[in-house]
Amino acid sequence: MQKKDFYTILGVEKTASEQEIKAAYRKLALKYHPDRNPNNKEAEEKFKEAAEAYEVLSDKEKRARYDQFGHADMGSGAGGFHSHGMNMDDIFENFGDIFGSMFGGGQSRKSRAKSGPKPLRGHDLSKEIEITLLEAFQGCKHELGYYHFMSCEQCSGKGMAAGTSAHACEQCHGSGQIQFQQGFFMYAQACNGCNGEGFTISSPCTKCNGQSRIQQFDKFSITIPEGIFDGAELRITSKGDAGVFGGKSGDLFVKVHIKTSPTFKREGDDLVCTVTLTYPQLVLGCQLEIESLDKSRHLVKIPKGCAVGDRIAIVGKGFKKIKSNTVGNLIIVTQCHIPTKLTSEEKRILSEYSELIGTNVQAENGGIGWFFKKFLG
C-alpha cells in the first residue's frame, strides 16, 4: 500500500515553515492522542502517522532528502523513522518537548543530575533596637545578641565528614524528582530518597547532622552613626542566617527607634529646646549661657524686644546629616516666665509700672469687675 504524503498528513504546503509544521503536528497530536481516544485503533494509527511525518519534516536533512526522493529514501539506511514499529513511550521520548508543553510537563524527561549539594544563600534577618536622643545625636556603640544559623565549624559548612563527598541519589539519579505518567498527564514529585535534593550524604557531619549549619547565640556590637533618625534601618552584611552548604550568609537589618527627651526634640537636622525668660529679659534683651543635649554650653544673645515664641538659631550645633558634612542648628524657642507668687514690694513695683504705661491691673479700677459694672450695670 502506497504511503501518504507527509505534507498531506500534516495538512501543510511544501513551502511550510518549521513553526507551521510544528503547529500542524501539535494540532493532530491533540486530536488523535490515545488518552483522548481510548481503544480507538484508527486514532492510534493516525497519531503514529502524524508523528512519523513530523519526525521527517522537522529535521532539515531528512526533509531535504524526502523532498528529493520521497518515501524511497525513508529506509533505515537513510535514518528513517518507522513509527509502526515503535510504542507510545518511544514517541513521547522522541518528542518530549512537544508533549511536555502540550500536556503540562514543561520539562524534558531527563533532568540534569546534581553532582552534589548546591550552595544556597542564607535568609536575611531583622532586629529592632531603641536608643536615646543623646545617643542619636552623638553616635554610639550598641550591643546585639540573638540566635541565628551559623556555619558549622567542624565541617566548614560542607555538611559531611572530612574526606567524604556527596553522591547522586540512586532513586532519582540526581534529578530530585520522580516523574510518572497517569493517563493523559505527566506528573513529577519530590524524590523520597533524597527529599528532593538530588543527592545523598553517606557520612554526615556529627555536629550539624549533615545540615552544614547550626543555630547558635551570637553577640557583637554595631556602630550607630551620629545623626541617625528615628525609623532608620542599618544593614549589617553577613550577619543573617549562614548559607546552606557553603552558600553566602544573609544580612541583618536593624531598625532604630529613638526615645523622646523631656527637654529637647528633633526637627529635621535641628535640635530644638525651649528657654524660659523673664519679661524684662525679653523686653530689654540679655545674654545667657545654655546647656545643650550633650552638656556642652553655648552663649546666647537675646535681642531687645524679643517676642514669646521667637526662634533663635545657634548655627552648626544641631544633628549631623547622615552621609554628609552638613550639620543642623540648635534652635532656642523663647518663652516668658509668669510668676504666681509675688512679694508686696514686687506687687508695688509692677503696679507702678502698669500705671506708667497706662494699664489698669486692679479689678476695681479696670479689671473684669469694672468691665461688667461699666457695660452691664
Protein backbone atom coordinates (compact mmCIF):
# COMPACT_ATOMS: atom_id res chain seq x y z
CA MET A 1 0.00 0.00 0.00
CA GLN A 2 1.39 3.36 -1.02
CA LYS A 3 2.17 5.64 1.94
CA LYS A 4 0.52 9.05 2.22
CA ASP A 5 2.50 12.18 1.51
CA PHE A 6 3.87 13.62 4.77
CA TYR A 7 2.81 17.16 3.86
CA THR A 8 -0.70 15.88 3.18
CA ILE A 9 -0.79 14.06 6.54
CA LEU A 10 0.07 17.26 8.42
CA GLY A 11 -2.13 19.38 6.16
CA VAL A 12 0.58 21.88 5.20
CA GLU A 13 2.14 23.13 1.97
CA LYS A 14 5.60 22.00 0.84
CA THR A 15 6.78 25.57 1.48
CA ALA A 16 5.61 25.46 5.12
CA SER A 17 8.00 26.84 7.74
CA GLU A 18 9.30 24.89 10.75
CA GLN A 19 6.85 26.67 13.01
CA GLU A 20 3.91 25.86 10.72
CA ILE A 21 4.92 22.19 10.62
CA LYS A 22 5.25 22.09 14.39
CA ALA A 23 1.88 23.79 14.89
CA ALA A 24 0.18 21.36 12.49
CA TYR A 25 1.63 18.37 14.31
CA ARG A 26 0.60 19.70 17.70
CA LYS A 27 -2.96 20.08 16.42
CA LEU A 28 -3.09 16.49 15.11
CA ALA A 29 -1.39 15.10 18.22
CA LEU A 30 -4.04 16.71 20.40
CA LYS A 31 -6.82 15.38 18.19
CA TYR A 32 -5.60 11.77 17.96
CA HIS A 33 -3.79 11.38 21.29
CA PRO A 34 -4.52 7.88 22.73
CA ASP A 35 -5.68 9.28 26.06
CA ARG A 36 -8.35 11.25 24.25
CA ASN A 37 -9.29 8.27 22.07
CA PRO A 38 -9.13 5.17 24.30
CA ASN A 39 -9.35 1.82 22.48
CA ASN A 40 -9.53 3.58 19.11
CA LYS A 41 -7.11 1.84 16.77
CA GLU A 42 -7.79 4.20 13.89
CA ALA A 43 -6.94 7.25 16.02
CA GLU A 44 -3.81 5.50 17.29
CA GLU A 45 -2.64 4.83 13.70
CA LYS A 46 -3.27 8.45 12.71
CA PHE A 47 -1.35 9.56 15.82
CA LYS A 48 1.64 7.42 14.80
CA GLU A 49 1.30 8.55 11.20
CA ALA A 50 1.46 12.21 12.21
CA ALA A 51 4.46 11.50 14.45
CA GLU A 52 6.31 9.86 11.54
CA ALA A 53 5.57 12.81 9.26
CA TYR A 54 6.71 15.30 11.87
CA GLU A 55 9.90 13.34 12.66
CA VAL A 56 10.94 13.65 8.99
CA LEU A 57 9.75 17.15 8.16
CA SER A 58 11.08 18.71 11.37
CA ASP A 59 14.62 17.58 10.50
CA LYS A 60 16.24 19.73 7.78
CA GLU A 61 18.38 16.95 6.31
CA LYS A 62 15.60 14.34 6.33
CA ARG A 63 13.16 16.84 4.86
CA ALA A 64 15.57 17.70 2.05
CA ARG A 65 16.02 14.01 1.15
CA TYR A 66 12.26 13.43 1.36
CA ASP A 67 11.59 16.40 -0.94
CA GLN A 68 14.05 14.90 -3.44
CA PHE A 69 13.39 11.17 -3.22
CA GLY A 70 10.07 10.81 -1.41
CA HIS A 71 9.37 7.65 0.61
CA ALA A 72 12.01 5.75 -1.35
CA ASP A 73 14.71 7.30 0.87
CA MET A 74 12.96 6.65 4.17
CA GLY A 75 14.56 3.26 4.83
CA SER A 76 16.75 2.51 7.80
CA GLY A 77 19.90 3.36 5.88
CA ALA A 78 18.73 6.91 5.46
CA GLY A 79 17.87 7.28 9.13
CA GLY A 80 14.15 6.82 8.58
CA PHE A 81 11.61 6.64 11.39
CA HIS A 82 9.30 3.59 11.39
CA SER A 83 6.52 4.68 13.72
CA HIS A 84 4.53 1.44 13.37
CA GLY A 85 7.37 -0.48 14.91
CA MET A 86 7.62 1.74 18.00
CA ASN A 87 5.43 2.04 21.05
CA MET A 88 3.90 5.21 22.50
CA ASP A 89 6.69 5.67 25.03
CA ASP A 90 9.19 5.86 22.14
CA ILE A 91 7.15 8.60 20.50
CA PHE A 92 6.82 10.52 23.77
CA GLU A 93 10.57 10.18 24.35
CA ASN A 94 11.43 11.46 20.86
CA PHE A 95 9.11 14.46 21.12
CA GLY A 96 9.25 15.19 24.86
CA ASP A 97 9.39 18.94 24.28
CA ILE A 98 6.20 18.84 22.22
CA PHE A 99 4.19 16.72 24.68
CA GLY A 100 5.65 18.46 27.70
CA SER A 101 4.39 21.87 26.59
CA MET A 102 1.09 20.40 25.32
CA PHE A 103 0.15 18.30 28.33
CA GLY A 104 1.58 20.21 31.27
CA GLY A 105 5.01 18.66 31.68
CA GLY A 106 7.01 21.65 30.50
CA GLN A 107 10.30 19.83 31.15
CA SER A 108 12.39 17.19 29.49
CA ARG A 109 12.02 13.70 30.94
CA LYS A 110 15.71 13.60 31.65
CA SER A 111 16.71 16.18 34.25
CA ARG A 112 20.25 17.24 34.76
CA ALA A 113 21.77 15.29 37.60
CA LYS A 114 23.22 17.13 40.55
CA SER A 115 26.79 16.34 41.35
CA GLY A 116 26.42 17.44 44.98
CA PRO A 117 24.89 19.99 47.35
CA LYS A 118 24.11 23.32 45.75
CA PRO A 119 25.22 26.30 47.88
CA LEU A 120 22.22 28.39 48.91
CA ARG A 121 22.22 31.91 50.37
CA GLY A 122 21.03 32.25 53.96
CA HIS A 123 17.94 34.23 54.94
CA ASP A 124 18.07 37.92 55.85
CA LEU A 125 17.08 38.70 59.45
CA SER A 126 15.69 41.80 61.17
CA LYS A 127 16.01 43.28 64.66
CA GLU A 128 14.68 46.43 66.34
CA ILE A 129 16.58 48.47 68.91
CA GLU A 130 15.87 51.61 70.95
CA ILE A 131 18.39 54.35 71.74
CA THR A 132 18.25 57.73 73.46
CA LEU A 133 18.14 61.08 71.66
CA LEU A 134 21.64 61.79 73.02
CA GLU A 135 22.95 58.54 71.50
CA ALA A 136 21.41 59.50 68.17
CA PHE A 137 23.00 62.97 68.49
CA GLN A 138 26.48 61.73 69.31
CA GLY A 139 26.50 58.26 67.75
CA CYS A 140 27.22 55.21 69.88
CA LYS A 141 28.05 51.52 70.09
CA HIS A 142 25.12 49.16 70.62
CA GLU A 143 25.42 45.52 71.60
CA LEU A 144 23.22 42.95 69.88
CA GLY A 145 22.56 39.37 70.94
CA TYR A 146 20.34 36.90 69.09
CA TYR A 147 20.08 33.31 67.86
CA HIS A 148 20.62 32.55 64.19
CA PHE A 149 22.07 29.87 61.93
CA MET A 150 25.86 29.88 61.79
CA SER A 151 28.12 27.81 59.58
CA CYS A 152 29.25 24.56 61.21
CA GLU A 153 32.89 24.88 62.21
CA GLN A 154 33.50 21.13 62.37
CA CYS A 155 32.75 20.52 58.68
CA SER A 156 33.41 24.08 57.44
CA GLY A 157 29.83 24.32 56.23
CA LYS A 158 30.04 21.24 53.96
CA GLY A 159 27.68 19.05 55.97
CA MET A 160 29.77 15.90 55.60
CA ALA A 161 32.61 14.22 57.41
CA ALA A 162 36.15 15.06 56.38
CA GLY A 163 37.37 13.08 53.38
CA THR A 164 33.88 12.14 52.21
CA SER A 165 31.64 13.52 49.47
CA ALA A 166 28.00 13.58 48.40
CA HIS A 167 26.59 11.21 45.79
CA ALA A 168 23.76 11.49 43.29
CA CYS A 169 20.56 9.92 44.62
CA GLU A 170 20.11 6.38 43.29
CA GLN A 171 16.33 6.67 43.12
CA CYS A 172 16.05 9.86 41.04
CA HIS A 173 19.59 9.73 39.58
CA GLY A 174 20.29 13.23 40.83
CA SER A 175 17.23 14.99 39.38
CA GLY A 176 15.49 15.48 42.73
CA GLN A 177 12.18 14.44 41.14
CA ILE A 178 10.36 11.25 40.28
CA GLN A 179 8.32 11.61 37.07
CA PHE A 180 5.42 9.42 36.11
CA GLN A 181 2.51 9.40 33.70
CA GLN A 182 -1.06 8.93 34.78
CA GLY A 183 -3.48 8.76 31.91
CA PHE A 184 -3.34 11.93 29.87
CA PHE A 185 -0.99 13.87 32.16
CA MET A 186 2.65 13.82 33.18
CA TYR A 187 3.41 14.32 36.88
CA ALA A 188 6.52 14.97 38.92
CA GLN A 189 7.02 14.82 42.67
CA ALA A 190 9.94 15.28 45.03
CA CYS A 191 12.05 12.18 45.42
CA ASN A 192 11.57 10.48 48.80
CA GLY A 193 15.07 9.05 48.76
CA CYS A 194 16.76 12.46 48.92
CA ASN A 195 13.86 14.78 49.89
CA GLY A 196 14.11 16.44 46.50
CA GLU A 197 17.76 17.40 46.96
CA GLY A 198 19.09 15.14 44.20
CA PHE A 199 21.98 13.89 46.34
CA THR A 200 22.66 11.92 49.49
CA ILE A 201 25.39 12.25 52.11
CA SER A 202 26.62 8.86 53.28
CA SER A 203 28.78 10.24 56.12
CA PRO A 204 27.13 13.38 57.53
CA CYS A 205 28.94 15.69 59.92
CA THR A 206 28.28 14.57 63.50
CA LYS A 207 27.91 18.14 64.81
CA CYS A 208 25.40 19.57 62.32
CA ASN A 209 23.93 16.20 61.26
CA GLY A 210 24.61 16.96 57.61
CA GLN A 211 22.81 20.32 57.65
CA SER A 212 26.05 22.34 57.19
CA ARG A 213 24.96 24.90 59.82
CA ILE A 214 23.70 25.05 63.40
CA GLN A 215 21.71 27.58 65.40
CA GLN A 216 23.82 29.47 67.91
CA PHE A 217 23.69 32.61 70.03
CA ASP A 218 25.67 35.45 68.50
CA LYS A 219 26.71 38.60 70.33
CA PHE A 220 28.51 41.62 68.87
CA SER A 221 28.48 45.43 68.79
CA ILE A 222 27.30 47.65 65.96
CA THR A 223 28.15 51.29 65.37
CA ILE A 224 25.23 53.73 65.38
CA PRO A 225 26.30 56.76 63.32
CA GLU A 226 25.79 60.23 64.76
CA GLY A 227 22.74 61.97 63.37
CA ILE A 228 20.72 58.80 62.80
CA PHE A 229 16.99 59.46 62.62
CA ASP A 230 14.03 57.59 64.09
CA GLY A 231 12.98 54.63 61.95
CA ALA A 232 16.31 54.37 60.13
CA GLU A 233 17.40 50.87 59.10
CA LEU A 234 21.01 49.72 59.26
CA ARG A 235 22.24 46.83 57.13
CA ILE A 236 24.86 44.58 58.71
CA THR A 237 26.25 42.38 55.95
CA SER A 238 26.65 38.62 56.51
CA LYS A 239 25.05 38.73 59.97
CA GLY A 240 21.84 36.99 58.92
CA ASP A 241 21.49 33.22 58.69
CA ALA A 242 24.52 31.36 57.35
CA GLY A 243 24.15 29.92 53.88
CA VAL A 244 23.49 26.23 53.29
CA PHE A 245 26.43 24.07 52.15
CA GLY A 246 28.81 26.99 51.92
CA GLY A 247 26.38 29.50 50.45
CA LYS A 248 26.67 33.20 51.22
CA SER A 249 25.25 34.39 54.55
CA GLY A 250 22.22 36.62 54.62
CA ASP A 251 22.25 40.16 56.04
CA LEU A 252 20.91 41.60 59.28
CA PHE A 253 18.65 44.67 59.09
CA VAL A 254 18.49 46.71 62.30
CA LYS A 255 15.65 49.22 62.67
CA VAL A 256 16.44 52.07 65.08
CA HIS A 257 13.84 53.70 67.33
CA ILE A 258 14.72 56.85 69.30
CA LYS A 259 13.30 57.66 72.74
CA THR A 260 11.80 61.09 73.33
CA SER A 261 13.56 63.63 75.55
CA PRO A 262 11.75 65.79 78.13
CA THR A 263 13.72 68.92 77.20
CA PHE A 264 14.85 68.51 73.59
CA LYS A 265 13.26 67.41 70.33
CA ARG A 266 14.42 66.94 66.78
CA GLU A 267 13.09 68.81 63.75
CA GLY A 268 14.84 67.59 60.64
CA ASP A 269 18.51 68.07 61.49
CA ASP A 270 17.83 70.81 64.03
CA LEU A 271 17.95 70.28 67.79
CA VAL A 272 15.18 72.30 69.43
CA CYS A 273 14.67 73.37 73.04
CA THR A 274 12.61 75.95 74.94
CA VAL A 275 14.21 78.64 77.13
CA THR A 276 12.05 80.46 79.69
CA LEU A 277 12.91 84.16 80.15
CA THR A 278 11.51 86.91 82.34
CA TYR A 279 9.53 89.81 80.92
CA PRO A 280 12.40 92.28 81.44
CA GLN A 281 14.85 89.91 79.67
CA LEU A 282 12.53 89.72 76.66
CA VAL A 283 11.98 93.49 76.58
CA LEU A 284 15.48 94.72 77.34
CA GLY A 285 17.42 91.86 75.82
CA CYS A 286 20.07 89.83 77.60
CA GLN A 287 22.89 87.35 77.23
CA LEU A 288 22.78 83.93 78.84
CA GLU A 289 24.51 80.54 78.73
CA ILE A 290 22.50 77.41 77.95
CA GLU A 291 23.39 73.72 78.18
CA SER A 292 22.81 71.57 75.09
CA LEU A 293 21.83 67.90 74.87
CA ASP A 294 25.44 66.72 75.13
CA LYS A 295 26.14 69.02 78.15
CA SER A 296 28.12 71.46 76.01
CA ARG A 297 27.47 75.12 76.91
CA HIS A 298 26.68 77.91 74.48
CA LEU A 299 26.38 81.68 74.91
CA VAL A 300 23.09 83.01 73.51
CA LYS A 301 22.22 86.67 72.89
CA ILE A 302 18.55 87.53 73.31
CA PRO A 303 17.76 90.68 71.30
CA LYS A 304 15.72 93.60 72.69
CA GLY A 305 12.00 93.30 72.22
CA CYS A 306 12.13 89.51 71.74
CA ALA A 307 8.62 88.09 71.49
CA VAL A 308 7.40 84.87 73.05
CA GLY A 309 7.84 82.01 70.55
CA ASP A 310 10.74 83.60 68.68
CA ARG A 311 13.32 81.07 67.41
CA ILE A 312 16.99 81.91 67.85
CA ALA A 313 19.48 79.71 65.99
CA ILE A 314 22.94 78.67 67.13
CA VAL A 315 24.42 77.65 63.78
CA GLY A 316 26.10 74.26 63.40
CA LYS A 317 25.17 72.86 66.81
CA GLY A 318 22.39 70.51 65.75
CA PHE A 319 22.38 66.98 64.32
CA LYS A 320 24.92 65.89 61.76
CA LYS A 321 23.27 64.93 58.48
CA ILE A 322 23.81 61.28 57.57
CA LYS A 323 26.37 60.76 54.76
CA SER A 324 27.13 64.46 54.65
CA ASN A 325 29.26 67.09 56.33
CA THR A 326 26.20 69.28 56.81
CA VAL A 327 25.16 69.99 60.42
CA GLY A 328 21.85 71.35 61.60
CA ASN A 329 21.32 74.16 64.15
CA LEU A 330 20.48 74.37 67.81
CA ILE A 331 17.17 76.26 67.95
CA ILE A 332 16.17 78.22 71.06
CA VAL A 333 12.42 78.89 71.36
CA THR A 334 11.66 81.72 73.78
CA GLN A 335 9.00 81.53 76.47
CA CYS A 336 8.01 84.04 79.16
CA HIS A 337 8.05 83.19 82.85
CA ILE A 338 4.85 84.27 84.62
CA PRO A 339 5.31 84.35 88.42
CA THR A 340 2.40 83.12 90.52
CA LYS A 341 3.60 84.43 93.88
CA LEU A 342 4.88 87.99 94.42
CA THR A 343 6.12 89.86 97.45
CA SER A 344 4.39 93.09 98.39
CA GLU A 345 7.38 95.05 97.08
CA GLU A 346 7.22 93.22 93.72
CA LYS A 347 3.49 93.94 93.53
CA ARG A 348 4.09 97.62 94.24
CA ILE A 349 6.74 97.93 91.53
CA LEU A 350 4.59 96.15 88.97
CA SER A 351 1.61 98.31 89.83
CA GLU A 352 3.67 101.47 89.38
CA TYR A 353 4.91 100.16 86.02
CA SER A 354 1.35 99.37 84.99
CA GLU A 355 0.24 102.90 85.81
CA LEU A 356 3.25 104.27 83.99
CA ILE A 357 2.33 102.56 80.73
CA GLY A 358 -1.38 103.25 81.16
CA THR A 359 -2.76 99.84 82.05
CA ASN A 360 -5.04 99.03 84.98
CA VAL A 361 -4.41 95.81 86.88
CA GLN A 362 -6.80 96.14 89.82
CA ALA A 363 -10.33 94.79 89.36
CA GLU A 364 -11.99 97.81 90.94
CA ASN A 365 -10.12 100.19 88.67
CA GLY A 366 -10.23 98.41 85.35
CA GLY A 367 -10.27 94.66 85.81
CA ILE A 368 -13.01 92.19 84.99
CA GLY A 369 -15.34 93.51 87.70
CA TRP A 370 -15.01 97.03 86.35
CA PHE A 371 -15.74 95.77 82.81
CA PHE A 372 -19.02 94.11 83.83
CA LYS A 373 -20.02 97.10 86.00
CA LYS A 374 -19.46 99.56 83.16
CA PHE A 375 -21.15 97.68 80.34
CA LEU A 376 -23.82 95.70 82.17
CA GLY A 377 -24.72 97.88 85.12
